[in-house]
Amino acid sequence: MKTMVLGAALVALPAVLAAQMDGSEIIFRQSFDGMFEAPRGPLPIPHRVMEPNPPVPLDGGLIVLLVGGAVVARKRLGR
């Protein structure tokens, strides 16, 4: 009985694994379809200068670093 179940499992296992691989392979190919192809046609290039970056506010951490650096520099230079 055990031999019969083992034999059936050995016969059915490759068919099950092949069916799973085919399905996942199709999904894999569909998800990456066209991903590695060069774009066709001319690429749009902006002709005007980009707008300047908005001003960045100084947050507390940056102020602490600037003040700390000034204090250390003052101590080392002795002024």
N, C-alpha and C. Protein backbone atom coordinates (compact mmCIF):
# COMPACT_ATOMS: atom_id res chain seq x y z
N MET A 1 0.81 -1.19 0.00
CA MET A 1 0.00 0.00 0.00
C MET A 1 0.86 1.26 0.00
N LYS A 2 1.92 1.24 0.87
CA LYS A 2 2.81 2.39 0.92
C LYS A 2 3.52 2.60 -0.40
N THR A 3 3.91 1.52 -1.03
CA THR A 3 4.61 1.61 -2.31
C THR A 3 3.70 2.20 -3.37
N MET A 4 2.44 1.84 -3.34
CA MET A 4 1.48 2.33 -4.31
C MET A 4 1.25 3.84 -4.15
N VAL A 5 1.14 4.33 -2.90
CA VAL A 5 0.96 5.75 -2.63
C VAL A 5 2.21 6.52 -3.02
N LEU A 6 3.38 5.97 -2.69
CA LEU A 6 4.64 6.61 -3.05
C LEU A 6 4.80 6.69 -4.56
N GLY A 7 4.45 5.63 -5.27
CA GLY A 7 4.53 5.63 -6.73
C GLY A 7 3.59 6.65 -7.35
N ALA A 8 2.37 6.75 -6.81
CA ALA A 8 1.42 7.73 -7.33
C ALA A 8 1.91 9.15 -7.08
N ALA A 9 2.51 9.35 -5.91
CA ALA A 9 3.03 10.68 -5.59
C ALA A 9 4.19 11.05 -6.51
N LEU A 10 5.06 10.08 -6.81
CA LEU A 10 6.18 10.35 -7.70
C LEU A 10 5.73 10.62 -9.13
N VAL A 11 4.61 10.04 -9.53
CA VAL A 11 4.09 10.28 -10.88
C VAL A 11 3.38 11.63 -10.94
N ALA A 12 2.64 11.98 -9.90
CA ALA A 12 1.84 13.20 -9.92
C ALA A 12 2.66 14.45 -9.59
N LEU A 13 3.72 14.31 -8.82
CA LEU A 13 4.50 15.46 -8.37
C LEU A 13 5.09 16.28 -9.53
N PRO A 14 5.74 15.67 -10.52
CA PRO A 14 6.28 16.48 -11.62
C PRO A 14 5.20 17.23 -12.40
N ALA A 15 4.03 16.62 -12.56
CA ALA A 15 2.95 17.30 -13.27
C ALA A 15 2.45 18.51 -12.49
N VAL A 16 2.35 18.39 -11.18
CA VAL A 16 1.90 19.51 -10.35
C VAL A 16 2.93 20.63 -10.37
N LEU A 17 4.21 20.27 -10.24
CA LEU A 17 5.26 21.29 -10.25
C LEU A 17 5.36 21.99 -11.60
N ALA A 18 5.18 21.26 -12.69
CA ALA A 18 5.23 21.87 -14.02
C ALA A 18 4.07 22.83 -14.21
N ALA A 19 2.90 22.49 -13.71
CA ALA A 19 1.74 23.37 -13.84
C ALA A 19 1.96 24.65 -13.05
N GLN A 20 2.57 24.56 -11.87
CA GLN A 20 2.83 25.75 -11.08
C GLN A 20 3.89 26.63 -11.72
N MET A 21 4.90 26.04 -12.30
CA MET A 21 5.95 26.82 -12.94
C MET A 21 5.44 27.55 -14.17
N ASP A 22 4.62 26.91 -14.95
CA ASP A 22 4.10 27.56 -16.15
C ASP A 22 3.27 28.78 -15.79
N GLY A 23 2.44 28.69 -14.79
CA GLY A 23 1.61 29.82 -14.38
C GLY A 23 2.43 30.97 -13.84
N SER A 24 3.42 30.67 -13.02
CA SER A 24 4.24 31.74 -12.46
C SER A 24 5.15 32.35 -13.51
N GLU A 25 5.56 31.55 -14.47
CA GLU A 25 6.40 32.07 -15.54
C GLU A 25 5.62 33.05 -16.40
N ILE A 26 4.37 32.76 -16.66
CA ILE A 26 3.53 33.66 -17.45
C ILE A 26 3.31 34.97 -16.69
N ILE A 27 3.05 34.88 -15.40
CA ILE A 27 2.87 36.08 -14.58
C ILE A 27 4.15 36.90 -14.56
N PHE A 28 5.29 36.23 -14.44
CA PHE A 28 6.59 36.91 -14.43
C PHE A 28 6.82 37.65 -15.74
N ARG A 29 6.55 37.00 -16.85
CA ARG A 29 6.75 37.63 -18.16
C ARG A 29 5.80 38.80 -18.36
N GLN A 30 4.57 38.69 -17.92
CA GLN A 30 3.61 39.78 -18.07
C GLN A 30 3.99 40.98 -17.22
N SER A 31 4.50 40.74 -16.03
CA SER A 31 4.84 41.86 -15.15
C SER A 31 6.05 42.64 -15.65
N PHE A 32 6.96 42.00 -16.37
CA PHE A 32 8.15 42.68 -16.87
C PHE A 32 8.09 42.94 -18.38
N ASP A 33 6.93 42.80 -18.97
CA ASP A 33 6.78 43.00 -20.41
C ASP A 33 7.05 44.45 -20.77
N GLY A 34 8.00 44.68 -21.64
CA GLY A 34 8.32 46.03 -22.10
C GLY A 34 9.18 46.84 -21.16
N MET A 35 9.60 46.25 -20.06
CA MET A 35 10.38 47.00 -19.07
C MET A 35 11.80 47.29 -19.55
N PHE A 36 12.37 46.40 -20.32
CA PHE A 36 13.76 46.55 -20.72
C PHE A 36 13.90 47.00 -22.17
N GLU A 37 12.85 47.53 -22.75
CA GLU A 37 12.91 48.02 -24.11
C GLU A 37 13.15 49.53 -24.10
N ALA A 38 13.89 50.00 -25.09
CA ALA A 38 14.15 51.43 -25.18
C ALA A 38 12.87 52.16 -25.58
N PRO A 39 12.64 53.35 -25.05
CA PRO A 39 11.44 54.10 -25.45
C PRO A 39 11.51 54.51 -26.91
N ARG A 40 10.38 54.50 -27.54
CA ARG A 40 10.33 54.86 -28.96
C ARG A 40 9.91 56.31 -29.08
N GLY A 41 10.46 56.97 -30.06
CA GLY A 41 10.11 58.36 -30.31
C GLY A 41 11.02 59.29 -29.53
N PRO A 42 10.91 60.57 -29.82
CA PRO A 42 11.78 61.53 -29.13
C PRO A 42 11.36 61.71 -27.67
N LEU A 43 12.35 61.91 -26.84
CA LEU A 43 12.10 62.16 -25.43
C LEU A 43 11.85 63.65 -25.23
N PRO A 44 10.87 64.02 -24.43
CA PRO A 44 10.62 65.45 -24.20
C PRO A 44 11.73 66.07 -23.35
N ILE A 45 12.28 67.17 -23.83
CA ILE A 45 13.33 67.89 -23.11
C ILE A 45 12.78 69.27 -22.78
N PRO A 46 12.79 69.66 -21.51
CA PRO A 46 12.28 70.99 -21.17
C PRO A 46 13.18 72.07 -21.75
N HIS A 47 12.58 73.09 -22.33
CA HIS A 47 13.34 74.15 -22.98
C HIS A 47 13.54 75.36 -22.08
N ARG A 48 12.82 75.45 -21.00
CA ARG A 48 12.98 76.59 -20.12
C ARG A 48 13.79 76.18 -18.89
N VAL A 49 14.31 77.15 -18.21
CA VAL A 49 15.10 76.88 -17.01
C VAL A 49 14.13 76.46 -15.90
N MET A 50 14.55 75.48 -15.13
CA MET A 50 13.72 75.02 -14.03
C MET A 50 13.59 76.12 -12.99
N GLU A 51 12.46 76.16 -12.33
CA GLU A 51 12.24 77.17 -11.30
C GLU A 51 13.20 76.91 -10.13
N PRO A 52 13.60 77.97 -9.43
CA PRO A 52 14.53 77.76 -8.31
C PRO A 52 13.85 76.99 -7.19
N ASN A 53 14.66 76.32 -6.42
CA ASN A 53 14.13 75.55 -5.29
C ASN A 53 13.51 76.49 -4.27
N PRO A 54 12.47 76.07 -3.60
CA PRO A 54 11.86 76.92 -2.58
C PRO A 54 12.79 77.07 -1.39
N PRO A 55 12.69 78.16 -0.64
CA PRO A 55 13.56 78.33 0.52
C PRO A 55 13.27 77.27 1.57
N VAL A 56 14.34 76.77 2.18
CA VAL A 56 14.20 75.73 3.18
C VAL A 56 14.30 76.38 4.56
N PRO A 57 13.30 76.19 5.41
CA PRO A 57 13.38 76.81 6.74
C PRO A 57 14.43 76.09 7.60
N LEU A 58 15.06 76.84 8.47
CA LEU A 58 16.04 76.26 9.38
C LEU A 58 15.30 75.64 10.55
N ASP A 59 15.41 74.35 10.69
CA ASP A 59 14.74 73.69 11.81
C ASP A 59 15.66 73.69 13.03
N GLY A 60 15.15 73.21 14.14
CA GLY A 60 15.89 73.26 15.40
C GLY A 60 17.19 72.47 15.37
N GLY A 61 17.19 71.31 14.71
CA GLY A 61 18.39 70.48 14.68
C GLY A 61 19.52 71.16 13.93
N LEU A 62 19.19 71.82 12.82
CA LEU A 62 20.22 72.50 12.04
C LEU A 62 20.78 73.69 12.80
N ILE A 63 19.92 74.42 13.49
CA ILE A 63 20.39 75.56 14.29
C ILE A 63 21.31 75.09 15.41
N VAL A 64 20.96 73.98 16.07
CA VAL A 64 21.82 73.44 17.13
C VAL A 64 23.18 73.04 16.56
N LEU A 65 23.21 72.43 15.39
CA LEU A 65 24.49 72.05 14.78
C LEU A 65 25.32 73.27 14.44
N LEU A 66 24.70 74.31 13.89
CA LEU A 66 25.44 75.52 13.54
C LEU A 66 26.00 76.21 14.79
N VAL A 67 25.20 76.33 15.82
CA VAL A 67 25.65 76.97 17.05
C VAL A 67 26.74 76.13 17.72
N GLY A 68 26.57 74.82 17.75
CA GLY A 68 27.58 73.93 18.34
C GLY A 68 28.90 74.02 17.59
N GLY A 69 28.84 74.08 16.27
CA GLY A 69 30.07 74.22 15.49
C GLY A 69 30.75 75.55 15.75
N ALA A 70 29.96 76.60 15.92
CA ALA A 70 30.54 77.91 16.22
C ALA A 70 31.21 77.90 17.58
N VAL A 71 30.59 77.26 18.56
CA VAL A 71 31.16 77.18 19.91
C VAL A 71 32.48 76.41 19.90
N VAL A 72 32.51 75.27 19.22
CA VAL A 72 33.74 74.46 19.16
C VAL A 72 34.83 75.23 18.44
N ALA A 73 34.49 75.90 17.34
CA ALA A 73 35.49 76.68 16.61
C ALA A 73 36.03 77.81 17.47
N ARG A 74 35.17 78.46 18.24
CA ARG A 74 35.60 79.55 19.09
C ARG A 74 36.56 79.05 20.17
N LYS A 75 36.27 77.87 20.75
CA LYS A 75 37.13 77.30 21.79
C LYS A 75 38.48 76.89 21.21
N ARG A 76 38.50 76.31 20.04
CA ARG A 76 39.76 75.84 19.44
C ARG A 76 40.61 77.00 18.95
N LEU A 77 39.95 78.03 18.42
CA LEU A 77 40.73 79.16 17.90
C LEU A 77 41.08 80.15 19.00
N GLY A 78 40.37 80.09 20.12
CA GLY A 78 40.69 80.92 21.28
C GLY A 78 40.31 82.36 21.09
N ARG A 79 39.32 82.66 20.32
CA ARG A 79 38.93 84.06 20.12
C ARG A 79 37.70 84.37 20.87
